[in-house]
Amino acid sequence: MAMAKVFTIPMPPQIGRKRRERTTDPRYVDGQRLLVEAMRYLAQADPVANRGAIELLSEHVRTRFRMTDSPLG
């Protein structure tokens, strides 16, 4: 069975390009805070039974939010 070949075309970085300044949206941080509070509630209510839900929320927080926007700050 033949496998498809993958070709990559390298792109040189643009040295003169300016990076856009990130601004923190208060709703974004509030959303993080809400998810953290939900995980705390689930952990206090029944950590064993709610383990799957806690892991799902934790994975979402770790992969969808920037580390610079902390709900704990």
Protein backbone atom coordinates (compact mmCIF):
# COMPACT_ATOMS: atom_id res chain seq x y z
CA MET A 1 0.00 0.00 0.00
CA ALA A 2 1.49 3.34 -1.05
CA MET A 3 1.71 6.14 1.44
CA ALA A 4 1.19 9.76 0.46
CA LYS A 5 4.25 11.95 0.40
CA VAL A 6 4.24 15.15 2.42
CA PHE A 7 6.10 18.12 1.05
CA THR A 8 6.92 21.15 3.15
CA ILE A 9 7.80 24.47 1.65
CA PRO A 10 9.85 26.43 4.17
CA MET A 11 8.96 30.08 4.60
CA PRO A 12 11.66 32.45 5.76
CA PRO A 13 10.67 34.60 8.76
CA GLN A 14 9.80 38.22 8.08
CA ILE A 15 12.32 40.19 10.10
CA GLY A 16 10.71 43.63 9.69
CA ARG A 17 7.22 42.53 10.70
CA LYS A 18 5.90 44.08 13.89
CA ARG A 19 4.14 41.88 16.41
CA ARG A 20 0.67 42.90 17.45
CA GLU A 21 0.33 43.88 21.09
CA ARG A 22 -2.01 41.56 22.96
CA THR A 23 -4.64 43.16 25.11
CA THR A 24 -6.51 41.34 27.83
CA ASP A 25 -10.26 41.14 27.39
CA PRO A 26 -11.96 41.13 30.83
CA ARG A 27 -14.58 38.67 29.54
CA TYR A 28 -11.80 36.28 28.55
CA VAL A 29 -10.32 36.27 32.05
CA ASP A 30 -13.81 36.01 33.60
CA GLY A 31 -14.41 32.90 31.49
CA GLN A 32 -11.21 31.36 32.84
CA ARG A 33 -12.21 32.27 36.39
CA LEU A 34 -15.60 30.61 35.91
CA LEU A 35 -13.99 27.39 34.68
CA VAL A 36 -11.57 27.35 37.62
CA GLU A 37 -14.45 27.86 40.06
CA ALA A 38 -16.35 25.02 38.40
CA MET A 39 -13.35 22.70 38.81
CA ARG A 40 -13.04 23.68 42.49
CA TYR A 41 -16.74 23.03 43.06
CA LEU A 42 -16.57 19.62 41.37
CA ALA A 43 -13.46 18.70 43.37
CA GLN A 44 -15.09 19.66 46.67
CA ALA A 45 -18.42 17.98 45.90
CA ASP A 46 -17.10 14.53 44.93
CA PRO A 47 -13.59 14.37 43.51
CA VAL A 48 -13.77 10.67 42.60
CA ALA A 49 -17.10 10.78 40.77
CA ASN A 50 -16.33 14.10 39.06
CA ARG A 51 -12.78 13.23 38.00
CA GLY A 52 -13.69 12.96 34.30
CA ALA A 53 -15.41 16.36 34.29
CA ILE A 54 -12.50 17.97 36.15
CA GLU A 55 -10.00 16.51 33.67
CA LEU A 56 -12.08 17.76 30.73
CA LEU A 57 -12.27 21.30 32.12
CA SER A 58 -8.58 21.24 33.04
CA GLU A 59 -7.59 20.17 29.54
CA HIS A 60 -9.73 22.94 28.07
CA VAL A 61 -8.14 25.59 30.30
CA ARG A 62 -4.62 24.34 29.54
CA THR A 63 -5.07 24.23 25.77
CA ARG A 64 -7.42 27.13 25.00
CA PHE A 65 -6.11 29.97 27.13
CA ARG A 66 -2.90 31.94 27.07
CA MET A 67 -0.65 31.51 30.08
CA THR A 68 -0.32 35.30 30.41
CA ASP A 69 -4.06 35.68 31.11
CA SER A 70 -4.36 34.25 34.59
CA PRO A 71 -7.73 33.95 36.33
CA LEU A 72 -5.89 33.88 39.66
CA GLY A 73 -4.31 37.33 39.21
